[in-house]
C-alpha atoms as a PDB file:
ATOM      1  CA  UNK A   1      11.612 -13.583  18.018  1.00  0.00           C
ATOM      2  CA  UNK A   2       9.715 -13.348  21.659  1.00  0.00           C
ATOM      3  CA  UNK A   3       9.772  -9.077  21.242  1.00  0.00           C
ATOM      4  CA  UNK A   4       7.152  -9.868  18.136  1.00  0.00           C
ATOM      5  CA  UNK A   5       4.546 -12.365  20.501  1.00  0.00           C
ATOM      6  CA  UNK A   6       1.275  -9.950  21.044  1.00  0.00           C
ATOM      7  CA  UNK A   7       1.815  -7.762  18.503  1.00  0.00           C
ATOM      8  CA  UNK A   8      -0.161  -7.356  15.110  1.00  0.00           C
ATOM      9  CA  UNK A   9       1.160  -8.410  12.257  1.00  0.00           C
ATOM     10  CA  UNK A  10       1.944  -7.249   8.427  1.00  0.00           C
ATOM     11  CA  UNK A  11      -0.412  -9.466   6.804  1.00  0.00           C
ATOM     12  CA  UNK A  12       0.968  -9.896   2.794  1.00  0.00           C
ATOM     13  CA  UNK A  13      -1.129 -11.383   0.073  1.00  0.00           C
ATOM     14  CA  UNK A  14       0.692 -14.125  -1.574  1.00  0.00           C
ATOM     15  CA  UNK A  15       0.706 -14.079  -5.415  1.00  0.00           C
ATOM     16  CA  UNK A  16       0.702 -17.996  -6.606  1.00  0.00           C
ATOM     17  CA  UNK A  17       3.236 -16.972  -9.241  1.00  0.00           C
ATOM     18  CA  UNK A  18       6.272 -17.567  -7.947  1.00  0.00           C
ATOM     19  CA  UNK A  19       7.908 -15.302 -10.253  1.00  0.00           C
ATOM     20  CA  UNK A  20       6.004 -12.318  -8.549  1.00  0.00           C
ATOM     21  CA  UNK A  21       7.496 -11.764  -5.037  1.00  0.00           C
ATOM     22  CA  UNK A  22       8.115  -8.310  -5.168  1.00  0.00           C
ATOM     23  CA  UNK A  23       5.364  -7.319  -2.332  1.00  0.00           C
ATOM     24  CA  UNK A  24       6.065 -10.375  -0.381  1.00  0.00           C
ATOM     25  CA  UNK A  25       9.649  -8.624  -0.548  1.00  0.00           C
ATOM     26  CA  UNK A  26       8.409  -5.407   0.744  1.00  0.00           C
ATOM     27  CA  UNK A  27       6.464  -7.201   3.337  1.00  0.00           C
ATOM     28  CA  UNK A  28       9.572  -8.915   4.860  1.00  0.00           C
ATOM     29  CA  UNK A  29      11.786  -6.261   4.893  1.00  0.00           C
ATOM     30  CA  UNK A  30       9.391  -3.906   6.637  1.00  0.00           C
ATOM     31  CA  UNK A  31       8.173  -6.846   8.987  1.00  0.00           C
ATOM     32  CA  UNK A  32      12.178  -6.932   9.989  1.00  0.00           C
ATOM     33  CA  UNK A  33      12.414  -2.802  10.049  1.00  0.00           C
ATOM     34  CA  UNK A  34       9.378  -2.551  12.608  1.00  0.00           C
ATOM     35  CA  UNK A  35       9.889  -5.774  14.353  1.00  0.00           C
ATOM     36  CA  UNK A  36       6.915  -7.808  13.733  1.00  0.00           C
ATOM     37  CA  UNK A  37       5.601 -10.863  12.647  1.00  0.00           C
ATOM     38  CA  UNK A  38       4.517 -11.353   9.113  1.00  0.00           C
ATOM     39  CA  UNK A  39       1.500 -13.399   8.057  1.00  0.00           C
ATOM     40  CA  UNK A  40       1.522 -14.422   4.368  1.00  0.00           C
ATOM     41  CA  UNK A  41      -2.000 -15.127   3.196  1.00  0.00           C
ATOM     42  CA  UNK A  42      -3.045 -16.956   0.345  1.00  0.00           C
ATOM     43  CA  UNK A  43      -6.975 -16.466  -0.827  1.00  0.00           C
ATOM     44  CA  UNK A  44      -8.075 -18.218  -3.581  1.00  0.00           C
ATOM     45  CA  UNK A  45     -11.446 -19.643  -4.832  1.00  0.00           C
ATOM     46  CA  UNK A  46      -9.840 -22.012  -7.715  1.00  0.00           C
ATOM     47  CA  UNK A  47      -6.935 -24.007  -7.668  1.00  0.00           C
ATOM     48  CA  UNK A  48      -3.466 -22.348  -8.175  1.00  0.00           C
ATOM     49  CA  UNK A  49      -1.061 -22.669 -10.786  1.00  0.00           C
ATOM     50  CA  UNK A  50       0.087 -25.877 -11.257  1.00  0.00           C
ATOM     51  CA  UNK A  51      -3.585 -27.998 -11.073  1.00  0.00           C
ATOM     52  CA  UNK A  52      -3.945 -30.223 -13.794  1.00  0.00           C
ATOM     53  CA  UNK A  53      -7.310 -32.516 -13.573  1.00  0.00           C
ATOM     54  CA  UNK A  54      -6.354 -36.044 -14.357  1.00  0.00           C
ATOM     55  CA  UNK A  55      -9.552 -36.249 -17.234  1.00  0.00           C
ATOM     56  CA  UNK A  56     -12.581 -35.087 -17.635  1.00  0.00           C
ATOM     57  CA  UNK A  57     -14.788 -32.801 -15.170  1.00  0.00           C
ATOM     58  CA  UNK A  58     -13.521 -32.624 -11.695  1.00  0.00           C
ATOM     59  CA  UNK A  59     -15.510 -33.911  -8.575  1.00  0.00           C
ATOM     60  CA  UNK A  60     -15.741 -31.082  -5.723  1.00  0.00           C
ATOM     61  CA  UNK A  61     -13.661 -33.730  -3.749  1.00  0.00           C
ATOM     62  CA  UNK A  62     -10.762 -33.712  -6.507  1.00  0.00           C
ATOM     63  CA  UNK A  63     -11.295 -29.641  -7.179  1.00  0.00           C
ATOM     64  CA  UNK A  64     -10.766 -29.113  -3.065  1.00  0.00           C
ATOM     65  CA  UNK A  65      -7.901 -31.470  -2.554  1.00  0.00           C
ATOM     66  CA  UNK A  66      -5.878 -29.377  -5.382  1.00  0.00           C
ATOM     67  CA  UNK A  67      -7.346 -26.035  -4.223  1.00  0.00           C
ATOM     68  CA  UNK A  68      -5.582 -27.015  -0.759  1.00  0.00           C
ATOM     69  CA  UNK A  69      -2.642 -29.450  -2.306  1.00  0.00           C
ATOM     70  CA  UNK A  70      -0.958 -26.526  -4.601  1.00  0.00           C
ATOM     71  CA  UNK A  71      -2.180 -23.895  -2.124  1.00  0.00           C
ATOM     72  CA  UNK A  72      -0.017 -25.600   0.684  1.00  0.00           C
ATOM     73  CA  UNK A  73       2.972 -25.522  -1.989  1.00  0.00           C
ATOM     74  CA  UNK A  74       2.300 -22.025  -2.943  1.00  0.00           C
ATOM     75  CA  UNK A  75       2.515 -20.910   1.062  1.00  0.00           C
ATOM     76  CA  UNK A  76       5.518 -22.861   1.570  1.00  0.00           C
ATOM     77  CA  UNK A  77       7.824 -21.467  -0.776  1.00  0.00           C
ATOM     78  CA  UNK A  78       6.472 -18.267  -0.217  1.00  0.00           C
ATOM     79  CA  UNK A  79       7.837 -18.794   3.517  1.00  0.00           C
ATOM     80  CA  UNK A  80      10.774 -20.085   2.635  1.00  0.00           C
ATOM     81  CA  UNK A  81      11.611 -17.053   0.363  1.00  0.00           C
ATOM     82  CA  UNK A  82      10.641 -14.905   3.305  1.00  0.00           C
ATOM     83  CA  UNK A  83      12.821 -17.156   5.949  1.00  0.00           C
ATOM     84  CA  UNK A  84      15.888 -16.832   3.582  1.00  0.00           C
ATOM     85  CA  UNK A  85      15.887 -12.963   3.007  1.00  0.00           C
ATOM     86  CA  UNK A  86      15.180 -12.638   6.818  1.00  0.00           C
ATOM     87  CA  UNK A  87      16.426 -15.913   8.799  1.00  0.00           C
ATOM     88  CA  UNK A  88      15.211 -13.834  11.954  1.00  0.00           C
ATOM     89  CA  UNK A  89      11.786 -12.770  11.174  1.00  0.00           C
ATOM     90  CA  UNK A  90       8.727 -14.563  12.769  1.00  0.00           C
ATOM     91  CA  UNK A  91       6.245 -15.908   9.560  1.00  0.00           C
ATOM     92  CA  UNK A  92       3.352 -17.822   9.058  1.00  0.00           C
ATOM     93  CA  UNK A  93       1.154 -19.022   6.614  1.00  0.00           C
ATOM     94  CA  UNK A  94      -2.595 -19.423   6.275  1.00  0.00           C
ATOM     95  CA  UNK A  95      -4.472 -20.440   3.526  1.00  0.00           C
ATOM     96  CA  UNK A  96      -8.102 -19.478   3.121  1.00  0.00           C
ATOM     97  CA  UNK A  97     -11.032 -19.983   1.016  1.00  0.00           C
ATOM     98  CA  UNK A  98     -12.702 -17.365  -0.927  1.00  0.00           C
ATOM     99  CA  UNK A  99     -12.183 -13.958  -2.824  1.00  0.00           C
ATOM    100  CA  UNK A 100      -8.698 -12.033  -2.022  1.00  0.00           C
ATOM    101  CA  UNK A 101     -10.622  -8.931  -1.521  1.00  0.00           C
ATOM    102  CA  UNK A 102     -12.798 -10.482   1.347  1.00  0.00           C
ATOM    103  CA  UNK A 103     -10.108 -12.652   3.047  1.00  0.00           C
ATOM    104  CA  UNK A 104      -7.607  -9.696   3.005  1.00  0.00           C
ATOM    105  CA  UNK A 105     -10.525  -7.391   4.381  1.00  0.00           C
ATOM    106  CA  UNK A 106     -10.917  -9.651   7.348  1.00  0.00           C
ATOM    107  CA  UNK A 107      -7.358 -10.013   7.950  1.00  0.00           C
ATOM    108  CA  UNK A 108      -6.881  -6.565   7.806  1.00  0.00           C
ATOM    109  CA  UNK A 109      -9.233  -6.252  11.545  1.00  0.00           C
ATOM    110  CA  UNK A 110      -5.780  -7.850  13.288  1.00  0.00           C
ATOM    111  CA  UNK A 111      -2.944  -6.214  11.169  1.00  0.00           C
ATOM    112  CA  UNK A 112      -0.657  -3.174  11.535  1.00  0.00           C
ATOM    113  CA  UNK A 113      -0.289  -3.275   7.381  1.00  0.00           C
ATOM    114  CA  UNK A 114      -1.522  -4.934   4.678  1.00  0.00           C
ATOM    115  CA  UNK A 115       0.748  -5.413   1.402  1.00  0.00           C
ATOM    116  CA  UNK A 116      -0.157  -7.021  -1.689  1.00  0.00           C
ATOM    117  CA  UNK A 117       1.061  -6.312  -5.056  1.00  0.00           C
ATOM    118  CA  UNK A 118      -0.619  -4.843  -8.306  1.00  0.00           C
ATOM    119  CA  UNK A 119      -1.708  -7.401 -10.149  1.00  0.00           C
ATOM    120  CA  UNK A 120      -5.061  -7.016  -9.467  1.00  0.00           C
ATOM    121  CA  UNK A 121      -4.941  -3.440 -11.008  1.00  0.00           C
ATOM    122  CA  UNK A 122      -3.480  -5.050 -14.465  1.00  0.00           C
ATOM    123  CA  UNK A 123      -6.322  -4.906 -16.701  1.00  0.00           C
ATOM    124  CA  UNK A 124      -8.005  -1.791 -16.900  1.00  0.00           C
ATOM    125  CA  UNK A 125     -11.299  -3.425 -16.343  1.00  0.00           C
ATOM    126  CA  UNK A 126     -10.081  -4.783 -13.013  1.00  0.00           C
ATOM    127  CA  UNK A 127     -10.173  -1.740 -11.744  1.00  0.00           C
ATOM    128  CA  UNK A 128     -14.035  -0.963 -12.332  1.00  0.00           C
ATOM    129  CA  UNK A 129     -15.424  -4.292 -11.234  1.00  0.00           C
ATOM    130  CA  UNK A 130     -15.824  -6.089  -8.005  1.00  0.00           C
ATOM    131  CA  UNK A 131     -13.133  -8.215  -9.059  1.00  0.00           C
ATOM    132  CA  UNK A 132     -10.489  -5.447  -8.178  1.00  0.00           C
ATOM    133  CA  UNK A 133      -8.865  -6.542  -4.776  1.00  0.00           C
ATOM    134  CA  UNK A 134      -7.333  -3.103  -3.626  1.00  0.00           C
ATOM    135  CA  UNK A 135      -9.709  -0.386  -4.277  1.00  0.00           C
ATOM    136  CA  UNK A 136     -12.339  -2.384  -2.102  1.00  0.00           C
ATOM    137  CA  UNK A 137      -9.421  -3.357   0.832  1.00  0.00           C
ATOM    138  CA  UNK A 138      -8.372   0.499   0.461  1.00  0.00           C
ATOM    139  CA  UNK A 139     -12.203   1.073   1.378  1.00  0.00           C
ATOM    140  CA  UNK A 140     -12.442  -0.416   4.645  1.00  0.00           C
ATOM    141  CA  UNK A 141      -9.344  -1.884   5.767  1.00  0.00           C
ATOM    142  CA  UNK A 142      -8.834  -0.536   9.430  1.00  0.00           C
ATOM    143  CA  UNK A 143      -4.857  -0.320   8.588  1.00  0.00           C
ATOM    144  CA  UNK A 144      -2.541   1.029   5.914  1.00  0.00           C
ATOM    145  CA  UNK A 145      -2.673  -0.717   2.816  1.00  0.00           C
ATOM    146  CA  UNK A 146      -0.061  -0.848   0.953  1.00  0.00           C
ATOM    147  CA  UNK A 147       0.289  -1.762  -3.208  1.00  0.00           C
ATOM    148  CA  UNK A 148       3.767  -2.560  -4.384  1.00  0.00           C
ATOM    149  CA  UNK A 149       4.267  -2.756  -8.535  1.00  0.00           C
ATOM    150  CA  UNK A 150       5.950  -5.704 -10.225  1.00  0.00           C
ATOM    151  CA  UNK A 151       8.882  -4.341 -11.275  1.00  0.00           C
ATOM    152  CA  UNK A 152      11.731  -2.869  -9.158  1.00  0.00           C
ATOM    153  CA  UNK A 153      11.632   1.154  -9.247  1.00  0.00           C
ATOM    154  CA  UNK A 154      14.843   2.455  -9.744  1.00  0.00           C
ATOM    155  CA  UNK A 155      15.746   5.359  -6.546  1.00  0.00           C
ATOM    156  CA  UNK A 156      17.681   8.166  -6.669  1.00  0.00           C
ATOM    157  CA  UNK A 157      21.119   8.272  -4.555  1.00  0.00           C
ATOM    158  CA  UNK A 158      19.338  10.240  -1.317  1.00  0.00           C
ATOM    159  CA  UNK A 159      16.371   7.897  -0.733  1.00  0.00           C
ATOM    160  CA  UNK A 160      12.958   9.492  -0.394  1.00  0.00           C
ATOM    161  CA  UNK A 161       9.469   8.881   0.094  1.00  0.00           C
ATOM    162  CA  UNK A 162       6.292  11.453  -1.056  1.00  0.00           C
ATOM    163  CA  UNK A 163       3.320  12.285   1.157  1.00  0.00           C
ATOM    164  CA  UNK A 164       0.197  13.976   0.064  1.00  0.00           C
ATOM    165  CA  UNK A 165      -1.512  16.564   1.836  1.00  0.00           C
ATOM    166  CA  UNK A 166      -4.320  18.417   1.752  1.00  0.00           C
ATOM    167  CA  UNK A 167      -4.999  19.884   4.987  1.00  0.00           C
ATOM    168  CA  UNK A 168      -7.190  17.462   6.233  1.00  0.00           C
ATOM    169  CA  UNK A 169      -6.715  15.557   9.671  1.00  0.00           C
ATOM    170  CA  UNK A 170      -6.834  12.600   7.296  1.00  0.00           C
ATOM    171  CA  UNK A 171      -3.640  13.894   5.179  1.00  0.00           C
ATOM    172  CA  UNK A 172      -2.084  14.383   8.724  1.00  0.00           C
ATOM    173  CA  UNK A 173      -2.298  10.565   9.717  1.00  0.00           C
ATOM    174  CA  UNK A 174      -0.725   9.970   6.346  1.00  0.00           C
ATOM    175  CA  UNK A 175       1.883  12.503   6.814  1.00  0.00           C
ATOM    176  CA  UNK A 176       2.447  11.044  10.365  1.00  0.00           C
ATOM    177  CA  UNK A 177       3.068   7.360   8.930  1.00  0.00           C
ATOM    178  CA  UNK A 178       5.661   9.028   6.242  1.00  0.00           C
ATOM    179  CA  UNK A 179       7.575  10.666   8.320  1.00  0.00           C
ATOM    180  CA  UNK A 180       7.868   6.937  10.202  1.00  0.00           C
ATOM    181  CA  UNK A 181       8.708   5.228   7.531  1.00  0.00           C
ATOM    182  CA  UNK A 182      11.231   7.926   6.357  1.00  0.00           C
ATOM    183  CA  UNK A 183      12.854   7.434   9.796  1.00  0.00           C
ATOM    184  CA  UNK A 184      13.003   3.736   9.531  1.00  0.00           C
ATOM    185  CA  UNK A 185      14.748   3.558   6.475  1.00  0.00           C
ATOM    186  CA  UNK A 186      16.764   6.785   6.970  1.00  0.00           C
ATOM    187  CA  UNK A 187      15.391   8.480   4.339  1.00  0.00           C
ATOM    188  CA  UNK A 188      14.063  12.123   3.197  1.00  0.00           C
ATOM    189  CA  UNK A 189      10.491  13.150   2.973  1.00  0.00           C
ATOM    190  CA  UNK A 190       8.912  15.300   0.383  1.00  0.00           C
ATOM    191  CA  UNK A 191       5.351  16.556   1.306  1.00  0.00           C
ATOM    192  CA  UNK A 192       3.373  17.553  -1.395  1.00  0.00           C
ATOM    193  CA  UNK A 193       0.140  20.000  -1.655  1.00  0.00           C
ATOM    194  CA  UNK A 194      -1.071  19.445  -4.952  1.00  0.00           C
ATOM    195  CA  UNK A 195      -3.409  22.688  -5.981  1.00  0.00           C
ATOM    196  CA  UNK A 196      -5.879  21.471  -9.177  1.00  0.00           C
ATOM    197  CA  UNK A 197      -7.277  24.672 -10.094  1.00  0.00           C
ATOM    198  CA  UNK A 198     -10.974  25.015 -10.356  1.00  0.00           C
ATOM    199  CA  UNK A 199     -12.235  24.814 -14.237  1.00  0.00           C
ATOM    200  CA  UNK A 200     -13.980  28.357 -13.957  1.00  0.00           C
ATOM    201  CA  UNK A 201     -11.043  29.506 -12.037  1.00  0.00           C
ATOM    202  CA  UNK A 202     -10.507  31.804  -8.802  1.00  0.00           C
ATOM    203  CA  UNK A 203     -10.511  35.258  -8.420  1.00  0.00           C
ATOM    204  CA  UNK A 204      -7.456  35.038  -6.838  1.00  0.00           C
ATOM    205  CA  UNK A 205      -4.917  32.485  -7.374  1.00  0.00           C
ATOM    206  CA  UNK A 206      -2.074  34.329  -5.343  1.00  0.00           C
ATOM    207  CA  UNK A 207      -4.345  34.060  -2.173  1.00  0.00           C
ATOM    208  CA  UNK A 208      -5.208  30.546  -3.503  1.00  0.00           C
ATOM    209  CA  UNK A 209      -2.325  29.112  -3.615  1.00  0.00           C
ATOM    210  CA  UNK A 210      -1.168  30.836  -0.206  1.00  0.00           C
ATOM    211  CA  UNK A 211      -3.901  29.211   1.672  1.00  0.00           C
ATOM    212  CA  UNK A 212      -2.124  25.861   0.098  1.00  0.00           C
ATOM    213  CA  UNK A 213       0.859  27.252   1.725  1.00  0.00           C
ATOM    214  CA  UNK A 214      -0.495  27.614   5.098  1.00  0.00           C
ATOM    215  CA  UNK A 215      -2.195  24.052   5.460  1.00  0.00           C
ATOM    216  CA  UNK A 216       0.711  22.526   4.331  1.00  0.00           C
ATOM    217  CA  UNK A 217       3.048  24.564   6.898  1.00  0.00           C
ATOM    218  CA  UNK A 218       0.590  23.423   9.527  1.00  0.00           C
ATOM    219  CA  UNK A 219       0.361  20.132   8.392  1.00  0.00           C
ATOM    220  CA  UNK A 220       3.952  19.369   9.170  1.00  0.00           C
ATOM    221  CA  UNK A 221       4.581  21.605  12.117  1.00  0.00           C
ATOM    222  CA  UNK A 222       6.082  19.935  15.044  1.00  0.00           C
ATOM    223  CA  UNK A 223       6.576  16.147  13.343  1.00  0.00           C
ATOM    224  CA  UNK A 224       9.795  17.233  12.095  1.00  0.00           C
ATOM    225  CA  UNK A 225      10.592  17.858  16.422  1.00  0.00           C
ATOM    226  CA  UNK A 226       9.512  14.239  17.033  1.00  0.00           C
ATOM    227  CA  UNK A 227      11.769  13.158  13.747  1.00  0.00           C
ATOM    228  CA  UNK A 228      14.500  15.494  13.637  1.00  0.00           C
ATOM    229  CA  UNK A 229      17.014  12.929  11.698  1.00  0.00           C
ATOM    230  CA  UNK A 230      14.283  13.047   8.919  1.00  0.00           C
ATOM    231  CA  UNK A 231      15.284  15.535   5.964  1.00  0.00           C
ATOM    232  CA  UNK A 232      11.734  17.607   5.301  1.00  0.00           C
ATOM    233  CA  UNK A 233      10.990  19.117   1.678  1.00  0.00           C
ATOM    234  CA  UNK A 234       7.536  20.411   1.074  1.00  0.00           C
ATOM    235  CA  UNK A 235       6.287  22.262  -1.247  1.00  0.00           C
ATOM    236  CA  UNK A 236       2.690  23.209  -3.502  1.00  0.00           C
ATOM    237  CA  UNK A 237       2.616  22.110  -6.813  1.00  0.00           C
ATOM    238  CA  UNK A 238      -0.123  23.139  -9.041  1.00  0.00           C
ATOM    239  CA  UNK A 239      -1.349  20.694 -11.486  1.00  0.00           C
ATOM    240  CA  UNK A 240      -3.457  17.325 -11.757  1.00  0.00           C
ATOM    241  CA  UNK A 241      -2.924  15.056  -8.525  1.00  0.00           C
ATOM    242  CA  UNK A 242      -2.587  12.105 -10.710  1.00  0.00           C
ATOM    243  CA  UNK A 243       0.054  13.640 -12.847  1.00  0.00           C
ATOM    244  CA  UNK A 244       2.083  15.376 -10.427  1.00  0.00           C
ATOM    245  CA  UNK A 245       2.180  12.473  -7.565  1.00  0.00           C
ATOM    246  CA  UNK A 246       2.984  10.024 -10.469  1.00  0.00           C
ATOM    247  CA  UNK A 247       5.973  12.203 -11.535  1.00  0.00           C
ATOM    248  CA  UNK A 248       7.264  12.439  -8.153  1.00  0.00           C
ATOM    249  CA  UNK A 249       6.835   8.507  -7.382  1.00  0.00           C
ATOM    250  CA  UNK A 250       9.421   7.973 -10.124  1.00  0.00           C
ATOM    251  CA  UNK A 251      12.341   8.214  -7.849  1.00  0.00           C
ATOM    252  CA  UNK A 252      10.928   7.692  -4.611  1.00  0.00           C
ATOM    253  CA  UNK A 253      10.441   4.558  -1.907  1.00  0.00           C
ATOM    254  CA  UNK A 254       7.057   5.037  -1.666  1.00  0.00           C
ATOM    255  CA  UNK A 255       4.221   7.440  -2.288  1.00  0.00           C
ATOM    256  CA  UNK A 256       1.652   7.770   1.351  1.00  0.00           C
ATOM    257  CA  UNK A 257      -1.742   9.170   0.862  1.00  0.00           C
ATOM    258  CA  UNK A 258      -4.948   9.359   3.191  1.00  0.00           C
ATOM    259  CA  UNK A 259      -7.722   7.148   2.238  1.00  0.00           C
ATOM    260  CA  UNK A 260     -10.187  10.051   2.484  1.00  0.00           C
ATOM    261  CA  UNK A 261     -10.149  14.215   3.166  1.00  0.00           C
ATOM    262  CA  UNK A 262     -12.130  17.220   2.546  1.00  0.00           C
ATOM    263  CA  UNK A 263     -10.667  18.003  -0.403  1.00  0.00           C
ATOM    264  CA  UNK A 264      -7.709  18.084  -3.356  1.00  0.00           C
ATOM    265  CA  UNK A 265      -6.501  14.587  -4.154  1.00  0.00           C
ATOM    266  CA  UNK A 266      -7.172  12.441  -1.178  1.00  0.00           C
ATOM    267  CA  UNK A 267     -10.796  13.609  -1.132  1.00  0.00           C
ATOM    268  CA  UNK A 268     -11.368  11.894  -4.363  1.00  0.00           C
ATOM    269  CA  UNK A 269      -8.921   8.625  -3.605  1.00  0.00           C
ATOM    270  CA  UNK A 270     -11.281   6.229  -4.090  1.00  0.00           C
ATOM    271  CA  UNK A 271     -12.597   7.503  -7.333  1.00  0.00           C
ATOM    272  CA  UNK A 272     -10.911   8.763 -10.226  1.00  0.00           C
ATOM    273  CA  UNK A 273      -7.380  10.338  -8.370  1.00  0.00           C
ATOM    274  CA  UNK A 274      -6.990   6.987  -6.665  1.00  0.00           C
ATOM    275  CA  UNK A 275      -7.013   4.834  -9.795  1.00  0.00           C
ATOM    276  CA  UNK A 276      -4.887   6.689 -11.583  1.00  0.00           C
ATOM    277  CA  UNK A 277      -2.315   6.983  -8.888  1.00  0.00           C
ATOM    278  CA  UNK A 278      -2.456   3.247  -8.238  1.00  0.00           C
ATOM    279  CA  UNK A 279      -1.887   2.496 -11.741  1.00  0.00           C
ATOM    280  CA  UNK A 280       0.508   5.081 -12.613  1.00  0.00           C
ATOM    281  CA  UNK A 281       2.561   5.870  -9.633  1.00  0.00           C
ATOM    282  CA  UNK A 282       6.303   4.320 -10.124  1.00  0.00           C
ATOM    283  CA  UNK A 283       6.610   3.271  -6.715  1.00  0.00           C
ATOM    284  CA  UNK A 284       4.459   1.389  -4.031  1.00  0.00           C
ATOM    285  CA  UNK A 285       1.273   3.632  -2.946  1.00  0.00           C
ATOM    286  CA  UNK A 286       0.461   3.162   1.109  1.00  0.00           C
ATOM    287  CA  UNK A 287      -2.773   4.386   1.678  1.00  0.00           C
ATOM    288  CA  UNK A 288      -3.519   5.486   5.671  1.00  0.00           C
ATOM    289  CA  UNK A 289      -6.814   5.916   7.211  1.00  0.00           C
ATOM    290  CA  UNK A 290      -7.335   8.482   9.757  1.00  0.00           C
ATOM    291  CA  UNK A 291      -7.710   7.110  13.156  1.00  0.00           C
ATOM    292  CA  UNK A 292     -11.828   7.856  13.159  1.00  0.00           C
ATOM    293  CA  UNK A 293     -12.306   5.177  10.448  1.00  0.00           C
ATOM    294  CA  UNK A 294     -10.214   2.517  12.297  1.00  0.00           C
END
């Protein structure tokens, strides 16, 4: 389609398992809504599913040939899946050698979004090692990163997105993106400021909550004028960020957060809170970097 030429694509990491297509479907739908090209990336440093050595220890040439043969097959099947779902989307494939985190980080430099599934987070130990793909990618990607769960989540009758707010410019960037997503999908938007009381407490909790409400109102102010079609609900919630956001995401189309901030859960996104959100959210988690980080 000519209208996608010259525009940054949506990049999606392809899972070699043909039974795991939720991230691919999400990315294809997103590319169609945004009228963007879609780039399917299969990053591998070992042969994918289906490779069986003929006998003995394979030579480097045999290993490399198997890598490309099975990789090409996986990519062709993935492209066919996208074309059957959205025949008019412009889709291409890239087979790259290397660790998925490094490959997708390189592709993110010229992407509108990067989408991947959460199979990299399926084992707890993966989150705390360099084998994890999502966290290193989120930390360095100059564009939004979407982590899509394997299972299809059940949404309520009125679709909505959830966005986390902490009053920082970086969470404001997340709010902008959340408004765009909600508008594209005809969905409502729920903006949450999660206030986690300090261990030693505060002298005036009412004053602290009032300040949170002020920051939340300032963050969403003006954006409703740009997207009058988006029904906005905003509230300050007292509790632990992981628990509050995971519960809020149970029936949401997506949970949008900033990659960093001056406090609150976005300030800890690459720490324990981000790991908790990525593991426990029931919907796709979209992390949005601030413009200064891009």
